[in-house]
Amino acid sequence: MSNNYVLMFEGWEGGGLCSYLLIGFWYKNHDYNAAANKAFIMNRIGDICLLFGLFVIFSHFGSFEYQEINHQLNEGNGLDVAVITTITLLLFAGATGKSAQIPLYTWLPDAMAGPTPVSALIHAATMVTAGIYMIIRSNVLFTLAPLTGDIIMVVGLTTAIFAGLIAFRQNDIKKVLAYSTVSQ
């Protein structure tokens, strides 16, 4: 039970909770409250997609274990491309929310309401990389879904260019840090 999607999802949600609590710590400041709520909602959109992806994984493979799913795929079981594409698109939508990619990127610049070092640690070093970890951990599924790979490329490239251009126009160092995090 230590090497599966359920454990990953628990950590995924723990990171989101830490982010929400950090942003909303200054609860008397209405801007920070709004930022915490925005981060919470945007991440829940991605989390719901991820959760649906996990439901489809379990209904199709009967397991949440990475090794079991990979074994079934290597044996040729469950190679329905439409189902795998659906799974990977849902997982990617979850990563989009957590990693602040287009269209779910707007929460991260506002999330820099907390202290900069802690905010950078939680958001840039943990939450944004959580989406990348999940995709890499699910690489066998993503390899079998070329359409999803194309969508990831377009979203990633668009996000990198768009957020990088926005970062050039910012005067607040926290916003520059936030948009540079989004772009990467």
Protein backbone atom coordinates (compact mmCIF):
# COMPACT_ATOMS: atom_id res chain seq x y z
CA MET A 1 0.00 0.00 0.00
CA SER A 2 3.02 2.27 -0.04
CA ASN A 3 3.45 2.56 -3.80
CA ASN A 4 0.13 3.61 -5.22
CA TYR A 5 -2.10 6.44 -6.38
CA VAL A 6 -3.99 6.63 -3.08
CA LEU A 7 -0.87 7.54 -1.12
CA MET A 8 0.09 10.06 -3.80
CA PHE A 9 -3.36 11.62 -3.59
CA GLU A 10 -3.10 11.94 0.20
CA GLY A 11 0.18 13.83 -0.14
CA TRP A 12 -1.33 15.82 -3.00
CA GLU A 13 -4.14 17.00 -0.75
CA GLY A 14 -1.75 17.65 2.15
CA GLY A 15 0.23 20.06 -0.03
CA GLY A 16 -2.97 21.84 -1.03
CA LEU A 17 -4.03 22.14 2.61
CA CYS A 18 -0.64 23.61 3.60
CA SER A 19 -0.93 26.14 0.79
CA TYR A 20 -4.45 27.16 1.81
CA LEU A 21 -3.47 27.54 5.47
CA LEU A 22 -0.35 29.54 4.61
CA ILE A 23 -2.17 31.95 2.31
CA GLY A 24 -5.12 32.35 4.64
CA PHE A 25 -3.00 32.78 7.77
CA TRP A 26 -3.54 36.55 7.77
CA TYR A 27 -7.30 35.99 7.89
CA LYS A 28 -8.07 39.61 8.85
CA ASN A 29 -6.69 40.81 5.52
CA HIS A 30 -9.50 40.44 2.98
CA ASP A 31 -7.10 40.26 0.02
CA TYR A 32 -5.30 37.31 1.58
CA ASN A 33 -8.60 35.61 2.37
CA ALA A 34 -9.66 36.02 -1.25
CA ALA A 35 -6.30 34.64 -2.40
CA ALA A 36 -6.65 31.61 -0.12
CA ASN A 37 -10.15 30.93 -1.40
CA LYS A 38 -9.02 31.32 -5.01
CA ALA A 39 -6.16 28.88 -4.49
CA PHE A 40 -8.52 26.45 -2.76
CA ILE A 41 -11.10 26.56 -5.57
CA MET A 42 -8.58 26.33 -8.42
CA ASN A 43 -6.85 23.40 -6.77
CA ARG A 44 -10.16 21.67 -6.09
CA ILE A 45 -11.00 21.88 -9.81
CA GLY A 46 -7.77 20.07 -10.60
CA ASP A 47 -8.24 17.67 -7.69
CA ILE A 48 -11.71 16.67 -8.89
CA CYS A 49 -10.28 15.86 -12.32
CA LEU A 50 -7.49 13.85 -10.69
CA LEU A 51 -10.01 12.02 -8.52
CA PHE A 52 -12.14 11.13 -11.57
CA GLY A 53 -8.97 9.89 -13.26
CA LEU A 54 -8.26 7.68 -10.26
CA PHE A 55 -11.82 6.31 -10.37
CA VAL A 56 -11.38 5.44 -14.04
CA ILE A 57 -8.02 3.81 -13.27
CA PHE A 58 -9.57 1.65 -10.58
CA SER A 59 -12.61 0.74 -12.65
CA HIS A 60 -10.43 -0.20 -15.64
CA PHE A 61 -7.47 -1.87 -13.92
CA GLY A 62 -8.97 -2.90 -10.57
CA SER A 63 -6.00 -1.49 -8.68
CA PHE A 64 -4.31 1.70 -7.58
CA GLU A 65 -0.85 0.08 -7.47
CA TYR A 66 1.63 1.46 -10.00
CA GLN A 67 3.29 -1.93 -10.52
CA GLU A 68 0.00 -3.75 -11.06
CA ILE A 69 -1.19 -1.21 -13.60
CA ASN A 70 2.16 -1.26 -15.41
CA HIS A 71 2.12 -5.07 -15.40
CA GLN A 72 -1.36 -5.15 -16.95
CA LEU A 73 -0.30 -2.65 -19.60
CA ASN A 74 2.91 -4.56 -20.39
CA GLU A 75 0.89 -7.77 -20.75
CA GLY A 76 -1.42 -6.02 -23.18
CA ASN A 77 -4.40 -6.02 -20.84
CA GLY A 78 -6.40 -2.83 -20.79
CA LEU A 79 -4.85 -1.28 -23.89
CA ASP A 80 -8.04 0.54 -24.84
CA VAL A 81 -6.54 3.79 -26.16
CA ALA A 82 -9.73 5.79 -25.55
CA VAL A 83 -9.79 4.81 -21.87
CA ILE A 84 -6.07 5.47 -21.42
CA THR A 85 -6.43 8.85 -23.13
CA THR A 86 -9.35 9.69 -20.83
CA ILE A 87 -7.31 8.67 -17.78
CA THR A 88 -4.27 10.68 -18.83
CA LEU A 89 -6.32 13.76 -19.70
CA LEU A 90 -7.98 13.65 -16.28
CA LEU A 91 -4.63 13.16 -14.54
CA PHE A 92 -3.15 16.01 -16.55
CA ALA A 93 -6.06 18.28 -15.63
CA GLY A 94 -5.25 17.50 -12.00
CA ALA A 95 -1.61 18.37 -12.60
CA THR A 96 -2.70 21.57 -14.35
CA GLY A 97 -4.43 22.79 -11.20
CA LYS A 98 -1.63 21.85 -8.83
CA SER A 99 1.17 23.02 -11.12
CA ALA A 100 -0.58 26.28 -12.01
CA GLN A 101 -0.74 25.77 -15.76
CA ILE A 102 -3.14 27.45 -18.19
CA PRO A 103 -6.09 27.71 -17.55
CA LEU A 104 -5.70 27.08 -13.79
CA TYR A 105 -2.68 29.33 -13.22
CA THR A 106 -4.29 32.43 -11.71
CA TRP A 107 -4.18 31.19 -8.12
CA LEU A 108 -0.38 31.15 -7.84
CA PRO A 109 0.39 34.88 -8.19
CA ASP A 110 -2.17 35.64 -5.48
CA ALA A 111 -0.82 32.79 -3.33
CA MET A 112 2.36 34.71 -2.61
CA ALA A 113 0.51 36.43 0.22
CA GLY A 114 2.44 34.48 2.83
CA PRO A 115 6.08 34.95 3.79
CA THR A 116 8.18 34.67 0.61
CA PRO A 117 10.60 31.86 1.65
CA VAL A 118 7.82 29.62 2.96
CA SER A 119 5.54 30.44 0.07
CA ALA A 120 8.29 29.69 -2.43
CA LEU A 121 9.03 26.40 -0.69
CA ILE A 122 5.44 25.24 -0.60
CA HIS A 123 4.32 26.53 -3.98
CA ALA A 124 7.38 26.41 -6.23
CA ALA A 125 9.28 23.50 -4.72
CA THR A 126 6.40 21.28 -3.63
CA MET A 127 3.05 21.91 -5.24
CA VAL A 128 4.22 22.77 -8.74
CA THR A 129 6.50 19.74 -8.84
CA ALA A 130 3.73 17.46 -7.54
CA GLY A 131 2.03 17.56 -10.93
CA ILE A 132 5.27 16.73 -12.67
CA TYR A 133 5.91 13.85 -10.25
CA MET A 134 2.48 12.40 -10.89
CA ILE A 135 2.91 12.51 -14.66
CA ILE A 136 6.37 10.96 -14.50
CA ARG A 137 5.13 8.29 -12.08
CA SER A 138 2.35 7.50 -14.58
CA ASN A 139 4.68 7.53 -17.58
CA VAL A 140 3.52 4.14 -18.89
CA LEU A 141 -0.02 5.47 -19.23
CA PHE A 142 1.12 8.75 -20.76
CA THR A 143 3.36 6.93 -23.26
CA LEU A 144 0.31 5.08 -24.55
CA ALA A 145 -1.70 8.30 -25.04
CA PRO A 146 -0.05 10.38 -27.78
CA LEU A 147 -2.97 12.83 -27.94
CA THR A 148 -2.46 13.68 -24.28
CA GLY A 149 1.25 14.19 -24.94
CA ASP A 150 0.42 16.69 -27.66
CA ILE A 151 -1.99 18.53 -25.36
CA ILE A 152 0.65 18.62 -22.60
CA MET A 153 3.15 20.09 -25.04
CA VAL A 154 0.76 22.84 -26.17
CA VAL A 155 -0.36 23.73 -22.64
CA GLY A 156 3.20 23.69 -21.29
CA LEU A 157 4.60 25.80 -24.10
CA THR A 158 1.72 28.27 -23.96
CA THR A 159 1.99 28.58 -20.19
CA ALA A 160 5.76 29.07 -20.28
CA ILE A 161 5.61 31.85 -22.86
CA PHE A 162 2.50 33.54 -21.47
CA ALA A 163 3.60 33.56 -17.83
CA GLY A 164 7.14 34.58 -18.76
CA LEU A 165 5.80 37.59 -20.65
CA ILE A 166 3.57 38.54 -17.70
CA ALA A 167 6.56 38.29 -15.34
CA PHE A 168 8.40 40.93 -17.39
CA ARG A 169 5.67 43.47 -16.64
CA GLN A 170 5.56 42.97 -12.86
CA ASN A 171 7.03 45.41 -10.35
CA ASP A 172 6.42 43.41 -7.17
CA ILE A 173 9.17 40.82 -6.60
CA LYS A 174 6.65 38.33 -5.23
CA LYS A 175 4.63 38.56 -8.47
CA VAL A 176 7.80 38.13 -10.54
CA LEU A 177 8.65 35.03 -8.50
CA ALA A 178 5.09 33.73 -8.88
CA TYR A 179 4.93 34.18 -12.64
CA SER A 180 8.41 32.79 -13.15
CA THR A 181 7.25 29.75 -11.15
CA VAL A 182 4.18 29.41 -13.37
CA SER A 183 6.31 29.67 -16.51
CA GLN A 184 8.64 26.91 -15.38
